[in-house]
Amino acid sequence: MKRIVLAFALATLPVSAVAQDTEKDGFSLMEEGARLFLRGMMEEAEPALKELQRLVEDMEPAMRQFVQEMGPALNELLGQVDDLSNYHAPEMLPNGDIILRRKVPMPPPQDGQDEIEL
C-alpha cells in the first residue's frame, strides 16, 4: 500500500510543477503581448507626437506674446467676475455681442444713485 501511495505521489508531483510553470508562462505571454501592443501604439503615434511638438514649438513665441499683452486685461476681468459658477454659459446676441448672465441676479447698488453713467 505504501508503494502505491508513493508511486501516486511521485506521479502527481511533476504534473503540479508543470501546471504552475504554465500559469507563469501564461502571465508572461500576457505581459509580452501587452508590451508588443503598447510598443506598436507608440510607434504609430510617434510621427503625430513629433508633429505636435513642432507645432507647439512654432506657437510658443506667439503664446508668450499673447500672455504678456492680454495677461493684465484678463486679471482685471477676473477681478470683476467673482466666481464663474455664478454665471450661465456665455450667449452670443444677434448683433455679435457676447454676454454672461448671472444665475442669481445681484441686488441693485444702494449708493443713492438710480442712474448708471454711460
PDB file of N, CA and C in Angstrom:
ATOM      1  N   MET A   1       0.830  -1.188   0.000  1.00  0.00           N
ATOM      2  CA  MET A   1       0.000   0.000   0.000  1.00  0.00           C
ATOM      3  C   MET A   1       0.875   1.251   0.000  1.00  0.00           C
ATOM      4  N   LYS A   2       1.969   1.199   0.787  1.00  0.00           N
ATOM      5  CA  LYS A   2       2.857   2.349   0.830  1.00  0.00           C
ATOM      6  C   LYS A   2       3.466   2.604  -0.538  1.00  0.00           C
ATOM      7  N   ARG A   3       3.731   1.530  -1.284  1.00  0.00           N
ATOM      8  CA  ARG A   3       4.318   1.691  -2.611  1.00  0.00           C
ATOM      9  C   ARG A   3       3.346   2.395  -3.557  1.00  0.00           C
ATOM     10  N   ILE A   4       2.077   2.062  -3.442  1.00  0.00           N
ATOM     11  CA  ILE A   4       1.071   2.674  -4.316  1.00  0.00           C
ATOM     12  C   ILE A   4       0.945   4.167  -4.003  1.00  0.00           C
ATOM     13  N   VAL A   5       0.897   4.515  -2.718  1.00  0.00           N
ATOM     14  CA  VAL A   5       0.788   5.925  -2.326  1.00  0.00           C
ATOM     15  C   VAL A   5       2.032   6.682  -2.771  1.00  0.00           C
ATOM     16  N   LEU A   6       3.198   6.080  -2.593  1.00  0.00           N
ATOM     17  CA  LEU A   6       4.440   6.722  -3.001  1.00  0.00           C
ATOM     18  C   LEU A   6       4.482   6.900  -4.515  1.00  0.00           C
ATOM     19  N   ALA A   7       4.065   5.882  -5.253  1.00  0.00           N
ATOM     20  CA  ALA A   7       4.044   5.974  -6.718  1.00  0.00           C
ATOM     21  C   ALA A   7       3.047   7.044  -7.167  1.00  0.00           C
ATOM     22  N   PHE A   8       1.891   7.110  -6.523  1.00  0.00           N
ATOM     23  CA  PHE A   8       0.879   8.119  -6.866  1.00  0.00           C
ATOM     24  C   PHE A   8       1.400   9.530  -6.571  1.00  0.00           C
ATOM     25  N   ALA A   9       2.067   9.685  -5.424  1.00  0.00           N
ATOM     26  CA  ALA A   9       2.609  10.999  -5.051  1.00  0.00           C
ATOM     27  C   ALA A   9       3.689  11.433  -6.035  1.00  0.00           C
ATOM     28  N   LEU A  10       4.549  10.500  -6.422  1.00  0.00           N
ATOM     29  CA  LEU A  10       5.594  10.829  -7.392  1.00  0.00           C
ATOM     30  C   LEU A  10       5.008  11.127  -8.769  1.00  0.00           C
ATOM     31  N   ALA A  11       3.937  10.449  -9.125  1.00  0.00           N
ATOM     32  CA  ALA A  11       3.320  10.673 -10.435  1.00  0.00           C
ATOM     33  C   ALA A  11       2.636  12.040 -10.505  1.00  0.00           C
ATOM     34  N   THR A  12       2.046  12.484  -9.418  1.00  0.00           N
ATOM     35  CA  THR A  12       1.336  13.770  -9.436  1.00  0.00           C
ATOM     36  C   THR A  12       2.257  14.947  -9.162  1.00  0.00           C
ATOM     37  N   LEU A  13       3.402  14.727  -8.600  1.00  0.00           N
ATOM     38  CA  LEU A  13       4.328  15.816  -8.290  1.00  0.00           C
ATOM     39  C   LEU A  13       4.784  16.560  -9.542  1.00  0.00           C
ATOM     40  N   PRO A  14       5.269  15.924 -10.575  1.00  0.00           N
ATOM     41  CA  PRO A  14       5.693  16.666 -11.768  1.00  0.00           C
ATOM     42  C   PRO A  14       4.523  17.379 -12.468  1.00  0.00           C
ATOM     43  N   VAL A  15       3.332  16.819 -12.410  1.00  0.00           N
ATOM     44  CA  VAL A  15       2.178  17.444 -13.055  1.00  0.00           C
ATOM     45  C   VAL A  15       1.865  18.778 -12.397  1.00  0.00           C
ATOM     46  N   SER A  16       1.901  18.827 -11.070  1.00  0.00           N
ATOM     47  CA  SER A  16       1.605  20.085 -10.387  1.00  0.00           C
ATOM     48  C   SER A  16       2.699  21.113 -10.666  1.00  0.00           C
ATOM     49  N   ALA A  17       3.934  20.684 -10.768  1.00  0.00           N
ATOM     50  CA  ALA A  17       5.013  21.619 -11.081  1.00  0.00           C
ATOM     51  C   ALA A  17       4.847  22.162 -12.496  1.00  0.00           C
ATOM     52  N   VAL A  18       4.447  21.309 -13.442  1.00  0.00           N
ATOM     53  CA  VAL A  18       4.225  21.755 -14.818  1.00  0.00           C
ATOM     54  C   VAL A  18       3.047  22.719 -14.866  1.00  0.00           C
ATOM     55  N   ALA A  19       2.005  22.460 -14.104  1.00  0.00           N
ATOM     56  CA  ALA A  19       0.837  23.337 -14.086  1.00  0.00           C
ATOM     57  C   ALA A  19       1.218  24.717 -13.556  1.00  0.00           C
ATOM     58  N   GLN A  20       2.063  24.778 -12.550  1.00  0.00           N
ATOM     59  CA  GLN A  20       2.488  26.073 -12.024  1.00  0.00           C
ATOM     60  C   GLN A  20       3.340  26.820 -13.045  1.00  0.00           C
ATOM     61  N   ASP A  21       4.210  26.116 -13.761  1.00  0.00           N
ATOM     62  CA  ASP A  21       5.023  26.759 -14.788  1.00  0.00           C
ATOM     63  C   ASP A  21       4.150  27.309 -15.907  1.00  0.00           C
ATOM     64  N   THR A  22       3.116  26.574 -16.281  1.00  0.00           N
ATOM     65  CA  THR A  22       2.229  27.016 -17.348  1.00  0.00           C
ATOM     66  C   THR A  22       1.532  28.310 -16.949  1.00  0.00           C
ATOM     67  N   GLU A  23       1.138  28.417 -15.710  1.00  0.00           N
ATOM     68  CA  GLU A  23       0.463  29.625 -15.238  1.00  0.00           C
ATOM     69  C   GLU A  23       1.406  30.821 -15.328  1.00  0.00           C
ATOM     70  N   LYS A  24       2.657  30.643 -14.923  1.00  0.00           N
ATOM     71  CA  LYS A  24       3.624  31.733 -15.000  1.00  0.00           C
ATOM     72  C   LYS A  24       3.904  32.087 -16.454  1.00  0.00           C
ATOM     73  N   ASP A  25       4.037  31.070 -17.323  1.00  0.00           N
ATOM     74  CA  ASP A  25       4.271  31.333 -18.742  1.00  0.00           C
ATOM     75  C   ASP A  25       3.096  32.080 -19.350  1.00  0.00           C
ATOM     76  N   GLY A  26       1.888  31.720 -18.953  1.00  0.00           N
ATOM     77  CA  GLY A  26       0.711  32.413 -19.467  1.00  0.00           C
ATOM     78  C   GLY A  26       0.723  33.875 -19.080  1.00  0.00           C
ATOM     79  N   PHE A  27       1.108  34.163 -17.863  1.00  0.00           N
ATOM     80  CA  PHE A  27       1.174  35.560 -17.425  1.00  0.00           C
ATOM     81  C   PHE A  27       2.263  36.287 -18.192  1.00  0.00           C
ATOM     82  N   SER A  28       3.401  35.616 -18.413  1.00  0.00           N
ATOM     83  CA  SER A  28       4.485  36.232 -19.168  1.00  0.00           C
ATOM     84  C   SER A  28       4.055  36.488 -20.604  1.00  0.00           C
ATOM     85  N   LEU A  29       3.297  35.579 -21.173  1.00  0.00           N
ATOM     86  CA  LEU A  29       2.798  35.785 -22.532  1.00  0.00           C
ATOM     87  C   LEU A  29       1.850  36.973 -22.578  1.00  0.00           C
ATOM     88  N   MET A  30       1.021  37.124 -21.549  1.00  0.00           N
ATOM     89  CA  MET A  30       0.122  38.276 -21.495  1.00  0.00           C
ATOM     90  C   MET A  30       0.929  39.570 -21.374  1.00  0.00           C
ATOM     91  N   GLU A  31       1.944  39.544 -20.515  1.00  0.00           N
ATOM     92  CA  GLU A  31       2.788  40.732 -20.372  1.00  0.00           C
ATOM     93  C   GLU A  31       3.471  41.071 -21.688  1.00  0.00           C
ATOM     94  N   GLU A  32       4.011  40.057 -22.344  1.00  0.00           N
ATOM     95  CA  GLU A  32       4.703  40.278 -23.618  1.00  0.00           C
ATOM     96  C   GLU A  32       3.738  40.798 -24.676  1.00  0.00           C
ATOM     97  N   GLY A  33       2.526  40.266 -24.692  1.00  0.00           N
ATOM     98  CA  GLY A  33       1.517  40.757 -25.632  1.00  0.00           C
ATOM     99  C   GLY A  33       1.165  42.209 -25.365  1.00  0.00           C
ATOM    100  N   ALA A  34       1.023  42.563 -24.100  1.00  0.00           N
ATOM    101  CA  ALA A  34       0.722  43.955 -23.753  1.00  0.00           C
ATOM    102  C   ALA A  34       1.882  44.863 -24.136  1.00  0.00           C
ATOM    103  N   ARG A  35       3.108  44.405 -23.894  1.00  0.00           N
ATOM    104  CA  ARG A  35       4.278  45.209 -24.277  1.00  0.00           C
ATOM    105  C   ARG A  35       4.316  45.433 -25.781  1.00  0.00           C
ATOM    106  N   LEU A  36       4.099  44.372 -26.546  1.00  0.00           N
ATOM    107  CA  LEU A  36       4.112  44.499 -28.007  1.00  0.00           C
ATOM    108  C   LEU A  36       3.007  45.428 -28.488  1.00  0.00           C
ATOM    109  N   PHE A  37       1.834  45.311 -27.890  1.00  0.00           N
ATOM    110  CA  PHE A  37       0.713  46.176 -28.271  1.00  0.00           C
ATOM    111  C   PHE A  37       1.046  47.642 -28.000  1.00  0.00           C
ATOM    112  N   LEU A  38       1.542  47.923 -26.795  1.00  0.00           N
ATOM    113  CA  LEU A  38       1.868  49.304 -26.444  1.00  0.00           C
ATOM    114  C   LEU A  38       3.029  49.837 -27.276  1.00  0.00           C
ATOM    115  N   ARG A  39       4.008  48.990 -27.566  1.00  0.00           N
ATOM    116  CA  ARG A  39       5.120  49.421 -28.409  1.00  0.00           C
ATOM    117  C   ARG A  39       4.611  49.779 -29.804  1.00  0.00           C
ATOM    118  N   GLY A  40       3.702  48.970 -30.342  1.00  0.00           N
ATOM    119  CA  GLY A  40       3.114  49.269 -31.648  1.00  0.00           C
ATOM    120  C   GLY A  40       2.330  50.567 -31.628  1.00  0.00           C
ATOM    121  N   MET A  41       1.577  50.786 -30.558  1.00  0.00           N
ATOM    122  CA  MET A  41       0.820  52.037 -30.442  1.00  0.00           C
ATOM    123  C   MET A  41       1.769  53.236 -30.394  1.00  0.00           C
ATOM    124  N   MET A  42       2.870  53.105 -29.650  1.00  0.00           N
ATOM    125  CA  MET A  42       3.825  54.208 -29.554  1.00  0.00           C
ATOM    126  C   MET A  42       4.480  54.479 -30.903  1.00  0.00           C
ATOM    127  N   GLU A  43       4.812  53.422 -31.639  1.00  0.00           N
ATOM    128  CA  GLU A  43       5.430  53.608 -32.950  1.00  0.00           C
ATOM    129  C   GLU A  43       4.469  54.283 -33.916  1.00  0.00           C
ATOM    130  N   GLU A  44       3.183  53.946 -33.842  1.00  0.00           N
ATOM    131  CA  GLU A  44       2.207  54.581 -34.720  1.00  0.00           C
ATOM    132  C   GLU A  44       1.959  56.031 -34.326  1.00  0.00           C
ATOM    133  N   ALA A  45       2.006  56.331 -33.047  1.00  0.00           N
ATOM    134  CA  ALA A  45       1.721  57.689 -32.580  1.00  0.00           C
ATOM    135  C   ALA A  45       2.944  58.598 -32.643  1.00  0.00           C
ATOM    136  N   GLU A  46       4.122  58.036 -32.799  1.00  0.00           N
ATOM    137  CA  GLU A  46       5.345  58.836 -32.762  1.00  0.00           C
ATOM    138  C   GLU A  46       5.374  59.952 -33.809  1.00  0.00           C
ATOM    139  N   PRO A  47       5.035  59.717 -35.085  1.00  0.00           N
ATOM    140  CA  PRO A  47       5.051  60.830 -36.049  1.00  0.00           C
ATOM    141  C   PRO A  47       4.076  61.946 -35.672  1.00  0.00           C
ATOM    142  N   ALA A  48       2.903  61.588 -35.201  1.00  0.00           N
ATOM    143  CA  ALA A  48       1.926  62.609 -34.811  1.00  0.00           C
ATOM    144  C   ALA A  48       2.428  63.396 -33.608  1.00  0.00           C
ATOM    145  N   LEU A  49       3.059  62.733 -32.658  1.00  0.00           N
ATOM    146  CA  LEU A  49       3.592  63.427 -31.485  1.00  0.00           C
ATOM    147  C   LEU A  49       4.740  64.359 -31.863  1.00  0.00           C
ATOM    148  N   LYS A  50       5.583  63.935 -32.808  1.00  0.00           N
ATOM    149  CA  LYS A  50       6.666  64.806 -33.259  1.00  0.00           C
ATOM    150  C   LYS A  50       6.102  66.033 -33.964  1.00  0.00           C
ATOM    151  N   GLU A  51       5.068  65.845 -34.774  1.00  0.00           N
ATOM    152  CA  GLU A  51       4.424  66.972 -35.454  1.00  0.00           C
ATOM    153  C   GLU A  51       3.786  67.916 -34.439  1.00  0.00           C
ATOM    154  N   LEU A  52       3.157  67.363 -33.420  1.00  0.00           N
ATOM    155  CA  LEU A  52       2.566  68.185 -32.364  1.00  0.00           C
ATOM    156  C   LEU A  52       3.644  68.972 -31.624  1.00  0.00           C
ATOM    157  N   GLN A  53       4.776  68.348 -31.365  1.00  0.00           N
ATOM    158  CA  GLN A  53       5.872  69.037 -30.691  1.00  0.00           C
ATOM    159  C   GLN A  53       6.381  70.191 -31.546  1.00  0.00           C
ATOM    160  N   ARG A  54       6.523  69.977 -32.867  1.00  0.00           N
ATOM    161  CA  ARG A  54       6.959  71.065 -33.750  1.00  0.00           C
ATOM    162  C   ARG A  54       5.942  72.200 -33.756  1.00  0.00           C
ATOM    163  N   LEU A  55       4.660  71.856 -33.775  1.00  0.00           N
ATOM    164  CA  LEU A  55       3.608  72.869 -33.763  1.00  0.00           C
ATOM    165  C   LEU A  55       3.663  73.699 -32.481  1.00  0.00           C
ATOM    166  N   VAL A  56       3.843  73.033 -31.354  1.00  0.00           N
ATOM    167  CA  VAL A  56       3.928  73.740 -30.070  1.00  0.00           C
ATOM    168  C   VAL A  56       5.154  74.645 -30.047  1.00  0.00           C
ATOM    169  N   GLU A  57       6.277  74.162 -30.563  1.00  0.00           N
ATOM    170  CA  GLU A  57       7.487  74.984 -30.600  1.00  0.00           C
ATOM    171  C   GLU A  57       7.289  76.202 -31.495  1.00  0.00           C
ATOM    172  N   ASP A  58       6.562  76.041 -32.611  1.00  0.00           N
ATOM    173  CA  ASP A  58       6.287  77.170 -33.502  1.00  0.00           C
ATOM    174  C   ASP A  58       5.345  78.177 -32.857  1.00  0.00           C
ATOM    175  N   MET A  59       4.403  77.700 -32.054  1.00  0.00           N
ATOM    176  CA  MET A  59       3.408  78.580 -31.441  1.00  0.00           C
ATOM    177  C   MET A  59       3.903  79.243 -30.160  1.00  0.00           C
ATOM    178  N   GLU A  60       4.976  78.759 -29.584  1.00  0.00           N
ATOM    179  CA  GLU A  60       5.427  79.262 -28.284  1.00  0.00           C
ATOM    180  C   GLU A  60       5.668  80.769 -28.269  1.00  0.00           C
ATOM    181  N   PRO A  61       6.392  81.358 -29.239  1.00  0.00           N
ATOM    182  CA  PRO A  61       6.589  82.820 -29.179  1.00  0.00           C
ATOM    183  C   PRO A  61       5.274  83.596 -29.245  1.00  0.00           C
ATOM    184  N   ALA A  62       4.350  83.158 -30.089  1.00  0.00           N
ATOM    185  CA  ALA A  62       3.064  83.848 -30.195  1.00  0.00           C
ATOM    186  C   ALA A  62       2.276  83.731 -28.894  1.00  0.00           C
ATOM    187  N   MET A  63       2.317  82.578 -28.250  1.00  0.00           N
ATOM    188  CA  MET A  63       1.600  82.406 -26.987  1.00  0.00           C
ATOM    189  C   MET A  63       2.212  83.267 -25.888  1.00  0.00           C
ATOM    190  N   ARG A  64       3.536  83.357 -25.853  1.00  0.00           N
ATOM    191  CA  ARG A  64       4.191  84.211 -24.855  1.00  0.00           C
ATOM    192  C   ARG A  64       3.773  85.670 -25.049  1.00  0.00           C
ATOM    193  N   GLN A  65       3.751  86.122 -26.307  1.00  0.00           N
ATOM    194  CA  GLN A  65       3.349  87.497 -26.594  1.00  0.00           C
ATOM    195  C   GLN A  65       1.892  87.719 -26.197  1.00  0.00           C
ATOM    196  N   PHE A  66       1.028  86.746 -26.490  1.00  0.00           N
ATOM    197  CA  PHE A  66      -0.386  86.858 -26.127  1.00  0.00           C
ATOM    198  C   PHE A  66      -0.551  86.997 -24.619  1.00  0.00           C
ATOM    199  N   VAL A  67       0.163  86.184 -23.868  1.00  0.00           N
ATOM    200  CA  VAL A  67       0.058  86.228 -22.405  1.00  0.00           C
ATOM    201  C   VAL A  67       0.580  87.557 -21.874  1.00  0.00           C
ATOM    202  N   GLN A  68       1.664  88.062 -22.455  1.00  0.00           N
ATOM    203  CA  GLN A  68       2.204  89.345 -21.996  1.00  0.00           C
ATOM    204  C   GLN A  68       1.231  90.485 -22.275  1.00  0.00           C
ATOM    205  N   GLU A  69       0.570  90.453 -23.437  1.00  0.00           N
ATOM    206  CA  GLU A  69      -0.340  91.538 -23.799  1.00  0.00           C
ATOM    207  C   GLU A  69      -1.691  91.416 -23.106  1.00  0.00           C
ATOM    208  N   MET A  70      -2.223  90.209 -23.042  1.00  0.00           N
ATOM    209  CA  MET A  70      -3.580  90.021 -22.531  1.00  0.00           C
ATOM    210  C   MET A  70      -3.628  89.678 -21.052  1.00  0.00           C
ATOM    211  N   GLY A  71      -2.503  89.331 -20.460  1.00  0.00           N
ATOM    212  CA  GLY A  71      -2.487  88.953 -19.053  1.00  0.00           C
ATOM    213  C   GLY A  71      -3.085  89.998 -18.131  1.00  0.00           C
ATOM    214  N   PRO A  72      -2.640  91.256 -18.225  1.00  0.00           N
ATOM    215  CA  PRO A  72      -3.219  92.278 -17.340  1.00  0.00           C
ATOM    216  C   PRO A  72      -4.720  92.472 -17.557  1.00  0.00           C
ATOM    217  N   ALA A  73      -5.167  92.433 -18.818  1.00  0.00           N
ATOM    218  CA  ALA A  73      -6.599  92.605 -19.089  1.00  0.00           C
ATOM    219  C   ALA A  73      -7.401  91.434 -18.529  1.00  0.00           C
ATOM    220  N   LEU A  74      -6.883  90.227 -18.652  1.00  0.00           N
ATOM    221  CA  LEU A  74      -7.592  89.063 -18.108  1.00  0.00           C
ATOM    222  C   LEU A  74      -7.633  89.111 -16.584  1.00  0.00           C
ATOM    223  N   ASN A  75      -6.562  89.571 -15.959  1.00  0.00           N
ATOM    224  CA  ASN A  75      -6.567  89.707 -14.495  1.00  0.00           C
ATOM    225  C   ASN A  75      -7.605  90.720 -14.051  1.00  0.00           C
ATOM    226  N   GLU A  76      -7.719  91.826 -14.795  1.00  0.00           N
ATOM    227  CA  GLU A  76      -8.725  92.838 -14.463  1.00  0.00           C
ATOM    228  C   GLU A  76     -10.132  92.268 -14.620  1.00  0.00           C
ATOM    229  N   LEU A  77     -10.350  91.517 -15.695  1.00  0.00           N
ATOM    230  CA  LEU A  77     -11.663  90.909 -15.924  1.00  0.00           C
ATOM    231  C   LEU A  77     -11.998  89.910 -14.820  1.00  0.00           C
ATOM    232  N   LEU A  78     -11.037  89.089 -14.439  1.00  0.00           N
ATOM    233  CA  LEU A  78     -11.284  88.118 -13.373  1.00  0.00           C
ATOM    234  C   LEU A  78     -11.519  88.803 -12.035  1.00  0.00           C
ATOM    235  N   GLY A  79     -10.976  89.996 -11.847  1.00  0.00           N
ATOM    236  CA  GLY A  79     -11.250  90.753 -10.632  1.00  0.00           C
ATOM    237  C   GLY A  79     -12.687  91.233 -10.579  1.00  0.00           C
ATOM    238  N   GLN A  80     -13.287  91.478 -11.746  1.00  0.00           N
ATOM    239  CA  GLN A  80     -14.672  91.940 -11.804  1.00  0.00           C
ATOM    240  C   GLN A  80     -15.662  90.784 -11.713  1.00  0.00           C
ATOM    241  N   VAL A  81     -15.272  89.623 -12.216  1.00  0.00           N
ATOM    242  CA  VAL A  81     -16.142  88.443 -12.195  1.00  0.00           C
ATOM    243  C   VAL A  81     -15.749  87.622 -10.977  1.00  0.00           C
ATOM    244  N   ASP A  82     -16.679  87.477 -10.022  1.00  0.00           N
ATOM    245  CA  ASP A  82     -16.323  86.834  -8.758  1.00  0.00           C
ATOM    246  C   ASP A  82     -16.068  85.334  -8.905  1.00  0.00           C
ATOM    247  N   ASP A  83     -17.073  84.553  -9.167  1.00  0.00           N
ATOM    248  CA  ASP A  83     -16.929  83.106  -9.274  1.00  0.00           C
ATOM    249  C   ASP A  83     -17.672  82.669 -10.525  1.00  0.00           C
ATOM    250  N   LEU A  84     -16.995  81.986 -11.431  1.00  0.00           N
ATOM    251  CA  LEU A  84     -17.619  81.626 -12.703  1.00  0.00           C
ATOM    252  C   LEU A  84     -18.796  80.672 -12.535  1.00  0.00           C
ATOM    253  N   SER A  85     -18.893  79.989 -11.405  1.00  0.00           N
ATOM    254  CA  SER A  85     -20.040  79.096 -11.200  1.00  0.00           C
ATOM    255  C   SER A  85     -21.320  79.894 -10.932  1.00  0.00           C
ATOM    256  N   ASN A  86     -21.201  81.201 -10.699  1.00  0.00           N
ATOM    257  CA  ASN A  86     -22.380  82.045 -10.501  1.00  0.00           C
ATOM    258  C   ASN A  86     -23.016  82.476 -11.819  1.00  0.00           C
ATOM    259  N   TYR A  87     -22.429  82.086 -12.951  1.00  0.00           N
ATOM    260  CA  TYR A  87     -22.880  82.563 -14.251  1.00  0.00           C
ATOM    261  C   TYR A  87     -23.311  81.402 -15.143  1.00  0.00           C
ATOM    262  N   HIS A  88     -24.252  81.706 -16.055  1.00  0.00           N
ATOM    263  CA  HIS A  88     -24.639  80.759 -17.101  1.00  0.00           C
ATOM    264  C   HIS A  88     -23.545  80.747 -18.165  1.00  0.00           C
ATOM    265  N   ALA A  89     -23.676  79.828 -19.102  1.00  0.00           N
ATOM    266  CA  ALA A  89     -22.732  79.773 -20.219  1.00  0.00           C
ATOM    267  C   ALA A  89     -22.851  81.056 -21.044  1.00  0.00           C
ATOM    268  N   PRO A  90     -21.778  81.494 -21.684  1.00  0.00           N
ATOM    269  CA  PRO A  90     -21.846  82.713 -22.495  1.00  0.00           C
ATOM    270  C   PRO A  90     -22.867  82.573 -23.623  1.00  0.00           C
ATOM    271  N   GLU A  91     -23.535  83.702 -23.934  1.00  0.00           N
ATOM    272  CA  GLU A  91     -24.514  83.739 -25.025  1.00  0.00           C
ATOM    273  C   GLU A  91     -24.063  84.776 -26.040  1.00  0.00           C
ATOM    274  N   MET A  92     -24.281  84.471 -27.322  1.00  0.00           N
ATOM    275  CA  MET A  92     -23.992  85.450 -28.357  1.00  0.00           C
ATOM    276  C   MET A  92     -25.310  86.053 -28.821  1.00  0.00           C
ATOM    277  N   LEU A  93     -25.399  87.358 -28.773  1.00  0.00           N
ATOM    278  CA  LEU A  93     -26.594  88.071 -29.209  1.00  0.00           C
ATOM    279  C   LEU A  93     -26.578  88.212 -30.731  1.00  0.00           C
ATOM    280  N   PRO A  94     -27.744  88.507 -31.346  1.00  0.00           N
ATOM    281  CA  PRO A  94     -27.790  88.651 -32.811  1.00  0.00           C
ATOM    282  C   PRO A  94     -26.822  89.709 -33.351  1.00  0.00           C
ATOM    283  N   ASN A  95     -26.513  90.725 -32.560  1.00  0.00           N
ATOM    284  CA  ASN A  95     -25.592  91.760 -33.036  1.00  0.00           C
ATOM    285  C   ASN A  95     -24.122  91.371 -32.851  1.00  0.00           C
ATOM    286  N   GLY A  96     -23.851  90.184 -32.313  1.00  0.00           N
ATOM    287  CA  GLY A  96     -22.482  89.708 -32.146  1.00  0.00           C
ATOM    288  C   GLY A  96     -21.923  89.887 -30.749  1.00  0.00           C
ATOM    289  N   ASP A  97     -22.629  90.599 -29.893  1.00  0.00           N
ATOM    290  CA  ASP A  97     -22.161  90.770 -28.517  1.00  0.00           C
ATOM    291  C   ASP A  97     -22.229  89.438 -27.771  1.00  0.00           C
ATOM    292  N   ILE A  98     -21.310  89.243 -26.875  1.00  0.00           N
ATOM    293  CA  ILE A  98     -21.295  88.046 -26.032  1.00  0.00           C
ATOM    294  C   ILE A  98     -21.566  88.496 -24.607  1.00  0.00           C
ATOM    295  N   ILE A  99     -22.559  87.879 -23.975  1.00  0.00           N
ATOM    296  CA  ILE A  99     -22.923  88.271 -22.613  1.00  0.00           C
ATOM    297  C   ILE A  99     -22.826  87.074 -21.677  1.00  0.00           C
ATOM    298  N   LEU A 100     -22.597  87.384 -20.415  1.00  0.00           N
ATOM    299  CA  LEU A 100     -22.597  86.382 -19.345  1.00  0.00           C
ATOM    300  C   LEU A 100     -23.713  86.758 -18.385  1.00  0.00           C
ATOM    301  N   ARG A 101     -24.722  85.921 -18.288  1.00  0.00           N
ATOM    302  CA  ARG A 101     -25.837  86.190 -17.373  1.00  0.00           C
ATOM    303  C   ARG A 101     -25.557  85.511 -16.038  1.00  0.00           C
ATOM    304  N   ARG A 102     -25.855  86.231 -14.962  1.00  0.00           N
ATOM    305  CA  ARG A 102     -25.729  85.645 -13.628  1.00  0.00           C
ATOM    306  C   ARG A 102     -26.881  84.678 -13.391  1.00  0.00           C
ATOM    307  N   LYS A 103     -26.619  83.613 -12.677  1.00  0.00           N
ATOM    308  CA  LYS A 103     -27.678  82.660 -12.332  1.00  0.00           C
ATOM    309  C   LYS A 103     -28.641  83.285 -11.333  1.00  0.00           C
ATOM    310  N   VAL A 104     -28.117  83.986 -10.354  1.00  0.00           N
ATOM    311  CA  VAL A 104     -28.932  84.704  -9.367  1.00  0.00           C
ATOM    312  C   VAL A 104     -28.569  86.180  -9.506  1.00  0.00           C
ATOM    313  N   PRO A 105     -29.535  87.019  -9.902  1.00  0.00           N
ATOM    314  CA  PRO A 105     -29.203  88.437 -10.104  1.00  0.00           C
ATOM    315  C   PRO A 105     -28.688  89.091  -8.823  1.00  0.00           C
ATOM    316  N   MET A 106     -27.768  90.018  -9.003  1.00  0.00           N
ATOM    317  CA  MET A 106     -27.232  90.766  -7.862  1.00  0.00           C
ATOM    318  C   MET A 106     -28.232  91.844  -7.461  1.00  0.00           C
ATOM    319  N   PRO A 107     -28.296  92.178  -6.191  1.00  0.00           N
ATOM    320  CA  PRO A 107     -29.175  93.284  -5.777  1.00  0.00           C
ATOM    321  C   PRO A 107     -28.620  94.598  -6.334  1.00  0.00           C
ATOM    322  N   PRO A 108     -29.501  95.552  -6.615  1.00  0.00           N
ATOM    323  CA  PRO A 108     -29.010  96.833  -7.149  1.00  0.00           C
ATOM    324  C   PRO A 108     -28.150  97.552  -6.111  1.00  0.00           C
ATOM    325  N   PRO A 109     -27.206  98.349  -6.563  1.00  0.00           N
ATOM    326  CA  PRO A 109     -26.344  99.065  -5.617  1.00  0.00           C
ATOM    327  C   PRO A 109     -27.145 100.068  -4.796  1.00  0.00           C
ATOM    328  N   GLN A 110     -26.810 100.224  -3.541  1.00  0.00           N
ATOM    329  CA  GLN A 110     -27.533 101.102  -2.624  1.00  0.00           C
ATOM    330  C   GLN A 110     -26.710 102.353  -2.306  1.00  0.00           C
ATOM    331  N   ASP A 111     -26.096 102.929  -3.314  1.00  0.00           N
ATOM    332  CA  ASP A 111     -25.287 104.116  -3.057  1.00  0.00           C
ATOM    333  C   ASP A 111     -26.052 105.416  -3.294  1.00  0.00           C
ATOM    334  N   GLY A 112     -27.353 105.342  -3.536  1.00  0.00           N
ATOM    335  CA  GLY A 112     -28.172 106.530  -3.677  1.00  0.00           C
ATOM    336  C   GLY A 112     -28.301 107.020  -5.102  1.00  0.00           C
ATOM    337  N   GLN A 113     -27.681 106.363  -6.041  1.00  0.00           N
ATOM    338  CA  GLN A 113     -27.793 106.775  -7.437  1.00  0.00           C
ATOM    339  C   GLN A 113     -28.656 105.769  -8.176  1.00  0.00           C
ATOM    340  N   ASP A 114     -29.698 106.250  -8.829  1.00  0.00           N
ATOM    341  CA  ASP A 114     -30.573 105.380  -9.603  1.00  0.00           C
ATOM    342  C   ASP A 114     -30.130 105.293 -11.054  1.00  0.00           C
ATOM    343  N   GLU A 115     -29.279 106.197 -11.485  1.00  0.00           N
ATOM    344  CA  GLU A 115     -28.851 106.230 -12.872  1.00  0.00           C
ATOM    345  C   GLU A 115     -27.477 105.589 -13.007  1.00  0.00           C
ATOM    346  N   ILE A 116     -27.282 105.008 -14.156  1.00  0.00           N
ATOM    347  CA  ILE A 116     -25.986 104.428 -14.479  1.00  0.00           C
ATOM    348  C   ILE A 116     -25.330 105.328 -15.513  1.00  0.00           C
ATOM    349  N   GLU A 117     -24.125 105.766 -15.247  1.00  0.00           N
ATOM    350  CA  GLU A 117     -23.425 106.650 -16.169  1.00  0.00           C
ATOM    351  C   GLU A 117     -22.809 105.823 -17.285  1.00  0.00           C
ATOM    352  N   LEU A 118     -23.108 106.219 -18.514  1.00  0.00           N
ATOM    353  CA  LEU A 118     -22.559 105.504 -19.664  1.00  0.00           C
ATOM    354  C   LEU A 118     -21.456 106.260 -20.285  1.00  0.00           C
TER     355      LEU A 118
END
